């Protein structure tokens, strides 16, 4: 729906057509977008026309980008810790004898 509105204003009926949802469900979705201030809904004669607020999308996009950076950095740090733990486990296995990887017990010789 937002993709469609990014190309210009559309009537509620026009937004309903591509979806296999009732007009009531689409109206509820639009109401959520209006409450979130992502879409503006205005009456033009008998029909309601929806318009996207690009500045709202930019705000959401900027927020998501900042969190993406946060999570990418967090996962990079986690990867370092996991790799350190794996190396320590390998050293311990060599120091104390090899373990059977399937059940974690020592192999019998």
C-alpha atoms as a PDB file:
ATOM      1  CA  UNK A   1       0.000   0.000   0.000  1.00  0.00           C
ATOM      2  CA  UNK A   2       2.802   2.401   0.869  1.00  0.00           C
ATOM      3  CA  UNK A   3       4.563   1.408  -2.345  1.00  0.00           C
ATOM      4  CA  UNK A   4       1.425   2.323  -4.300  1.00  0.00           C
ATOM      5  CA  UNK A   5       1.089   5.647  -2.461  1.00  0.00           C
ATOM      6  CA  UNK A   6       4.727   6.466  -3.188  1.00  0.00           C
ATOM      7  CA  UNK A   7       3.620   6.961  -6.815  1.00  0.00           C
ATOM      8  CA  UNK A   8       0.939   9.483  -5.855  1.00  0.00           C
ATOM      9  CA  UNK A   9      -2.435   9.866  -4.125  1.00  0.00           C
ATOM     10  CA  UNK A  10      -5.006   7.082  -4.435  1.00  0.00           C
ATOM     11  CA  UNK A  11      -8.607   6.532  -3.418  1.00  0.00           C
ATOM     12  CA  UNK A  12      -9.393   4.019  -0.698  1.00  0.00           C
ATOM     13  CA  UNK A  13     -11.231   1.965  -3.320  1.00  0.00           C
ATOM     14  CA  UNK A  14      -8.170   2.111  -5.588  1.00  0.00           C
ATOM     15  CA  UNK A  15      -5.980   0.903  -2.725  1.00  0.00           C
ATOM     16  CA  UNK A  16      -8.369  -1.981  -2.035  1.00  0.00           C
ATOM     17  CA  UNK A  17      -8.301  -3.421  -5.576  1.00  0.00           C
ATOM     18  CA  UNK A  18      -4.836  -5.086  -5.609  1.00  0.00           C
ATOM     19  CA  UNK A  19      -5.397  -6.825  -2.274  1.00  0.00           C
ATOM     20  CA  UNK A  20      -7.486  -9.856  -1.438  1.00  0.00           C
ATOM     21  CA  UNK A  21      -8.887  -8.008   1.573  1.00  0.00           C
ATOM     22  CA  UNK A  22     -12.215  -6.371   2.253  1.00  0.00           C
ATOM     23  CA  UNK A  23     -12.559  -2.607   2.035  1.00  0.00           C
ATOM     24  CA  UNK A  24     -13.183  -2.659   5.801  1.00  0.00           C
ATOM     25  CA  UNK A  25      -9.784  -4.302   6.422  1.00  0.00           C
ATOM     26  CA  UNK A  26      -8.059  -1.846   4.091  1.00  0.00           C
ATOM     27  CA  UNK A  27      -9.799   1.052   5.867  1.00  0.00           C
ATOM     28  CA  UNK A  28      -8.504  -0.227   9.222  1.00  0.00           C
ATOM     29  CA  UNK A  29      -4.999  -0.441   7.789  1.00  0.00           C
ATOM     30  CA  UNK A  30      -5.274   3.081   6.409  1.00  0.00           C
ATOM     31  CA  UNK A  31      -6.552   4.305   9.789  1.00  0.00           C
ATOM     32  CA  UNK A  32      -3.377   2.903  11.409  1.00  0.00           C
ATOM     33  CA  UNK A  33      -1.217   4.657   8.820  1.00  0.00           C
ATOM     34  CA  UNK A  34      -3.127   7.913   9.441  1.00  0.00           C
ATOM     35  CA  UNK A  35      -2.677   7.585  13.234  1.00  0.00           C
ATOM     36  CA  UNK A  36       1.042   6.961  12.649  1.00  0.00           C
ATOM     37  CA  UNK A  37       1.077  10.139  10.511  1.00  0.00           C
ATOM     38  CA  UNK A  38       2.447   8.240   7.528  1.00  0.00           C
ATOM     39  CA  UNK A  39      -0.639   8.863   5.391  1.00  0.00           C
ATOM     40  CA  UNK A  40      -3.046  11.779   5.075  1.00  0.00           C
ATOM     41  CA  UNK A  41      -6.664  10.914   4.247  1.00  0.00           C
ATOM     42  CA  UNK A  42      -8.915  13.600   2.745  1.00  0.00           C
ATOM     43  CA  UNK A  43     -12.429  13.622   1.326  1.00  0.00           C
ATOM     44  CA  UNK A  44     -12.783  14.563  -2.346  1.00  0.00           C
ATOM     45  CA  UNK A  45     -16.426  14.573  -3.165  1.00  0.00           C
ATOM     46  CA  UNK A  46     -17.753  11.132  -2.293  1.00  0.00           C
ATOM     47  CA  UNK A  47     -14.464   9.304  -2.062  1.00  0.00           C
ATOM     48  CA  UNK A  48     -11.583   9.376   0.364  1.00  0.00           C
ATOM     49  CA  UNK A  49      -8.143   9.960  -1.098  1.00  0.00           C
ATOM     50  CA  UNK A  50      -4.942   8.947   0.647  1.00  0.00           C
ATOM     51  CA  UNK A  51      -1.596  10.688   0.254  1.00  0.00           C
ATOM     52  CA  UNK A  52       1.744   9.492   1.555  1.00  0.00           C
ATOM     53  CA  UNK A  53       3.756  11.804   3.812  1.00  0.00           C
ATOM     54  CA  UNK A  54       7.323  11.228   2.526  1.00  0.00           C
ATOM     55  CA  UNK A  55       8.871  13.071   5.481  1.00  0.00           C
ATOM     56  CA  UNK A  56       7.343  10.465   7.814  1.00  0.00           C
ATOM     57  CA  UNK A  57       8.855   7.652   5.750  1.00  0.00           C
ATOM     58  CA  UNK A  58      12.251   9.394   5.871  1.00  0.00           C
ATOM     59  CA  UNK A  59      12.027   9.627   9.659  1.00  0.00           C
ATOM     60  CA  UNK A  60      11.272   5.900   9.919  1.00  0.00           C
ATOM     61  CA  UNK A  61      14.033   5.108   7.428  1.00  0.00           C
ATOM     62  CA  UNK A  62      16.606   7.159   9.346  1.00  0.00           C
ATOM     63  CA  UNK A  63      15.608   5.456  12.587  1.00  0.00           C
ATOM     64  CA  UNK A  64      15.842   1.989  11.001  1.00  0.00           C
ATOM     65  CA  UNK A  65      19.277   2.774   9.535  1.00  0.00           C
ATOM     66  CA  UNK A  66      20.624   3.803  12.937  1.00  0.00           C
ATOM     67  CA  UNK A  67      19.339   0.574  14.491  1.00  0.00           C
ATOM     68  CA  UNK A  68      20.720  -1.446  11.611  1.00  0.00           C
ATOM     69  CA  UNK A  69      24.181  -0.044  12.369  1.00  0.00           C
ATOM     70  CA  UNK A  70      23.690  -0.832  16.068  1.00  0.00           C
ATOM     71  CA  UNK A  71      22.704  -4.448  15.373  1.00  0.00           C
ATOM     72  CA  UNK A  72      25.424  -4.998  12.781  1.00  0.00           C
ATOM     73  CA  UNK A  73      28.045  -3.784  15.283  1.00  0.00           C
ATOM     74  CA  UNK A  74      26.507  -5.947  18.011  1.00  0.00           C
ATOM     75  CA  UNK A  75      26.557  -9.051  15.815  1.00  0.00           C
ATOM     76  CA  UNK A  76      30.165  -8.332  14.791  1.00  0.00           C
ATOM     77  CA  UNK A  77      31.125  -8.174  18.473  1.00  0.00           C
ATOM     78  CA  UNK A  78      29.188 -11.366  19.180  1.00  0.00           C
ATOM     79  CA  UNK A  79      30.984 -13.111  16.306  1.00  0.00           C
ATOM     80  CA  UNK A  80      34.354 -12.177  17.835  1.00  0.00           C
ATOM     81  CA  UNK A  81      33.304 -13.595  21.220  1.00  0.00           C
ATOM     82  CA  UNK A  82      31.937 -16.819  19.675  1.00  0.00           C
ATOM     83  CA  UNK A  83      35.145 -17.320  17.687  1.00  0.00           C
ATOM     84  CA  UNK A  84      37.217 -16.783  20.840  1.00  0.00           C
ATOM     85  CA  UNK A  85      35.083 -19.338  22.676  1.00  0.00           C
ATOM     86  CA  UNK A  86      35.486 -21.850  19.834  1.00  0.00           C
ATOM     87  CA  UNK A  87      39.274 -21.418  19.890  1.00  0.00           C
ATOM     88  CA  UNK A  88      39.323 -21.866  23.670  1.00  0.00           C
ATOM     89  CA  UNK A  89      37.194 -25.010  23.340  1.00  0.00           C
ATOM     90  CA  UNK A  90      39.566 -26.462  20.726  1.00  0.00           C
ATOM     91  CA  UNK A  91      42.559 -25.689  22.988  1.00  0.00           C
ATOM     92  CA  UNK A  92      40.794 -27.349  25.943  1.00  0.00           C
ATOM     93  CA  UNK A  93      39.933 -30.401  23.840  1.00  0.00           C
ATOM     94  CA  UNK A  94      43.551 -30.774  22.774  1.00  0.00           C
ATOM     95  CA  UNK A  95      44.735 -30.249  26.323  1.00  0.00           C
ATOM     96  CA  UNK A  96      42.323 -32.757  27.878  1.00  0.00           C
ATOM     97  CA  UNK A  97      41.834 -35.204  25.003  1.00  0.00           C
ATOM     98  CA  UNK A  98      39.397 -35.087  22.113  1.00  0.00           C
ATOM     99  CA  UNK A  99      35.689 -35.121  22.745  1.00  0.00           C
ATOM    100  CA  UNK A 100      33.124 -36.921  20.663  1.00  0.00           C
ATOM    101  CA  UNK A 101      31.310 -34.007  18.980  1.00  0.00           C
ATOM    102  CA  UNK A 102      27.958 -35.826  18.887  1.00  0.00           C
ATOM    103  CA  UNK A 103      27.388 -36.098  22.644  1.00  0.00           C
ATOM    104  CA  UNK A 104      30.215 -34.060  24.187  1.00  0.00           C
ATOM    105  CA  UNK A 105      31.782 -37.063  25.931  1.00  0.00           C
ATOM    106  CA  UNK A 106      35.420 -38.058  25.602  1.00  0.00           C
ATOM    107  CA  UNK A 107      36.242 -40.565  22.888  1.00  0.00           C
ATOM    108  CA  UNK A 108      37.344 -43.925  24.189  1.00  0.00           C
ATOM    109  CA  UNK A 109      40.631 -45.251  22.880  1.00  0.00           C
END
